[in-house]
Amino acid sequence: MATSILEEDTPNRKRAAFAVIPFLVLGVANVGLILGMGLRPLWGFVLLPPVLFLSVLAWIAFSNDFLADRT
């Protein structure tokens, strides 16, 4: 099946989500585990923003095919 140029240039958000979701789940589970071990809830607020920020940054990178021009 032939694809048009327009379809190749559109961001692939679904593939990006499938690539990022496992890392987001691991990060949130890690924060939950740390809080479950009895540390203060403040540590959850300290650790959660970097996990979310890097997940969003990775989603943006994957959805824009950052390596498409190198292959």
C-alpha atoms as a PDB file:
ATOM      1  CA  MET A   1       0.000   0.000   0.000  1.00  0.00           C
ATOM      2  CA  ALA A   2       1.481   3.312  -1.073  1.00  0.00           C
ATOM      3  CA  THR A   3       1.598   6.198   1.374  1.00  0.00           C
ATOM      4  CA  SER A   4       1.469   9.798   0.368  1.00  0.00           C
ATOM      5  CA  ILE A   5       4.007  12.401   1.355  1.00  0.00           C
ATOM      6  CA  LEU A   6       1.420  14.054   3.601  1.00  0.00           C
ATOM      7  CA  GLU A   7       0.982  10.890   5.651  1.00  0.00           C
ATOM      8  CA  GLU A   8       4.727  10.486   6.125  1.00  0.00           C
ATOM      9  CA  ASP A   9       5.137  14.042   7.395  1.00  0.00           C
ATOM     10  CA  THR A  10       2.389  13.877   9.993  1.00  0.00           C
ATOM     11  CA  PRO A  11       3.480  13.188  13.559  1.00  0.00           C
ATOM     12  CA  ASN A  12       2.884   9.649  14.744  1.00  0.00           C
ATOM     13  CA  ARG A  13       1.383  10.327  18.160  1.00  0.00           C
ATOM     14  CA  LYS A  14       0.092   6.807  18.728  1.00  0.00           C
ATOM     15  CA  ARG A  15       3.516   5.220  18.216  1.00  0.00           C
ATOM     16  CA  ALA A  16       5.058   7.885  20.456  1.00  0.00           C
ATOM     17  CA  ALA A  17       2.549   7.133  23.196  1.00  0.00           C
ATOM     18  CA  PHE A  18       3.292   3.393  22.989  1.00  0.00           C
ATOM     19  CA  ALA A  19       7.015   4.158  23.308  1.00  0.00           C
ATOM     20  CA  VAL A  20       6.669   6.504  26.293  1.00  0.00           C
ATOM     21  CA  ILE A  21       3.898   4.861  28.366  1.00  0.00           C
ATOM     22  CA  PRO A  22       6.114   2.064  29.805  1.00  0.00           C
ATOM     23  CA  PHE A  23       8.651   4.587  31.088  1.00  0.00           C
ATOM     24  CA  LEU A  24       5.918   6.795  32.524  1.00  0.00           C
ATOM     25  CA  VAL A  25       4.372   3.816  34.312  1.00  0.00           C
ATOM     26  CA  LEU A  26       7.764   2.780  35.702  1.00  0.00           C
ATOM     27  CA  GLY A  27       8.449   6.319  36.929  1.00  0.00           C
ATOM     28  CA  VAL A  28       5.083   6.690  38.630  1.00  0.00           C
ATOM     29  CA  ALA A  29       5.392   3.192  40.129  1.00  0.00           C
ATOM     30  CA  ASN A  30       8.819   4.121  41.455  1.00  0.00           C
ATOM     31  CA  VAL A  31       7.384   7.231  43.119  1.00  0.00           C
ATOM     32  CA  GLY A  32       4.573   5.110  44.569  1.00  0.00           C
ATOM     33  CA  LEU A  33       7.070   2.552  45.858  1.00  0.00           C
ATOM     34  CA  ILE A  34       9.178   5.236  47.487  1.00  0.00           C
ATOM     35  CA  LEU A  35       6.110   6.734  49.157  1.00  0.00           C
ATOM     36  CA  GLY A  36       4.933   3.252  50.165  1.00  0.00           C
ATOM     37  CA  MET A  37       8.221   2.630  51.944  1.00  0.00           C
ATOM     38  CA  GLY A  38       7.286   5.320  54.436  1.00  0.00           C
ATOM     39  CA  LEU A  39       9.058   8.403  53.175  1.00  0.00           C
ATOM     40  CA  ARG A  40       7.359  11.746  53.523  1.00  0.00           C
ATOM     41  CA  PRO A  41       4.877  12.750  50.792  1.00  0.00           C
ATOM     42  CA  LEU A  42       7.090  15.708  49.966  1.00  0.00           C
ATOM     43  CA  TRP A  43       9.435  13.292  48.187  1.00  0.00           C
ATOM     44  CA  GLY A  44       6.600  12.386  45.840  1.00  0.00           C
ATOM     45  CA  PHE A  45       6.242  16.025  44.863  1.00  0.00           C
ATOM     46  CA  VAL A  46      10.002  16.254  44.388  1.00  0.00           C
ATOM     47  CA  LEU A  47      10.324  13.130  42.216  1.00  0.00           C
ATOM     48  CA  LEU A  48       7.129  13.280  40.157  1.00  0.00           C
ATOM     49  CA  PRO A  49       7.777  16.504  38.143  1.00  0.00           C
ATOM     50  CA  PRO A  50      11.039  15.231  36.556  1.00  0.00           C
ATOM     51  CA  VAL A  51       9.341  11.946  35.624  1.00  0.00           C
ATOM     52  CA  LEU A  52       6.457  13.790  33.988  1.00  0.00           C
ATOM     53  CA  PHE A  53       8.742  16.327  32.293  1.00  0.00           C
ATOM     54  CA  LEU A  54      10.978  13.674  30.756  1.00  0.00           C
ATOM     55  CA  SER A  55       7.975  11.652  29.641  1.00  0.00           C
ATOM     56  CA  VAL A  56       6.488  14.662  27.861  1.00  0.00           C
ATOM     57  CA  LEU A  57       9.869  15.509  26.343  1.00  0.00           C
ATOM     58  CA  ALA A  58      10.280  11.942  25.084  1.00  0.00           C
ATOM     59  CA  TRP A  59       6.733  11.964  23.666  1.00  0.00           C
ATOM     60  CA  ILE A  60       7.472  15.172  21.751  1.00  0.00           C
ATOM     61  CA  ALA A  61      10.710  13.720  20.402  1.00  0.00           C
ATOM     62  CA  PHE A  62       9.125  10.428  19.316  1.00  0.00           C
ATOM     63  CA  SER A  63       6.027  12.044  17.836  1.00  0.00           C
ATOM     64  CA  ASN A  64       8.139  14.327  15.651  1.00  0.00           C
ATOM     65  CA  ASP A  65      10.350  11.459  14.391  1.00  0.00           C
ATOM     66  CA  PHE A  66      13.605  13.003  15.561  1.00  0.00           C
ATOM     67  CA  LEU A  67      15.649  10.322  13.760  1.00  0.00           C
ATOM     68  CA  ALA A  68      13.686  10.245  10.510  1.00  0.00           C
ATOM     69  CA  ASP A  69      16.272  12.211   8.539  1.00  0.00           C
ATOM     70  CA  ARG A  70      19.209  10.073   9.736  1.00  0.00           C
ATOM     71  CA  THR A  71      18.094   6.714   8.377  1.00  0.00           C
END
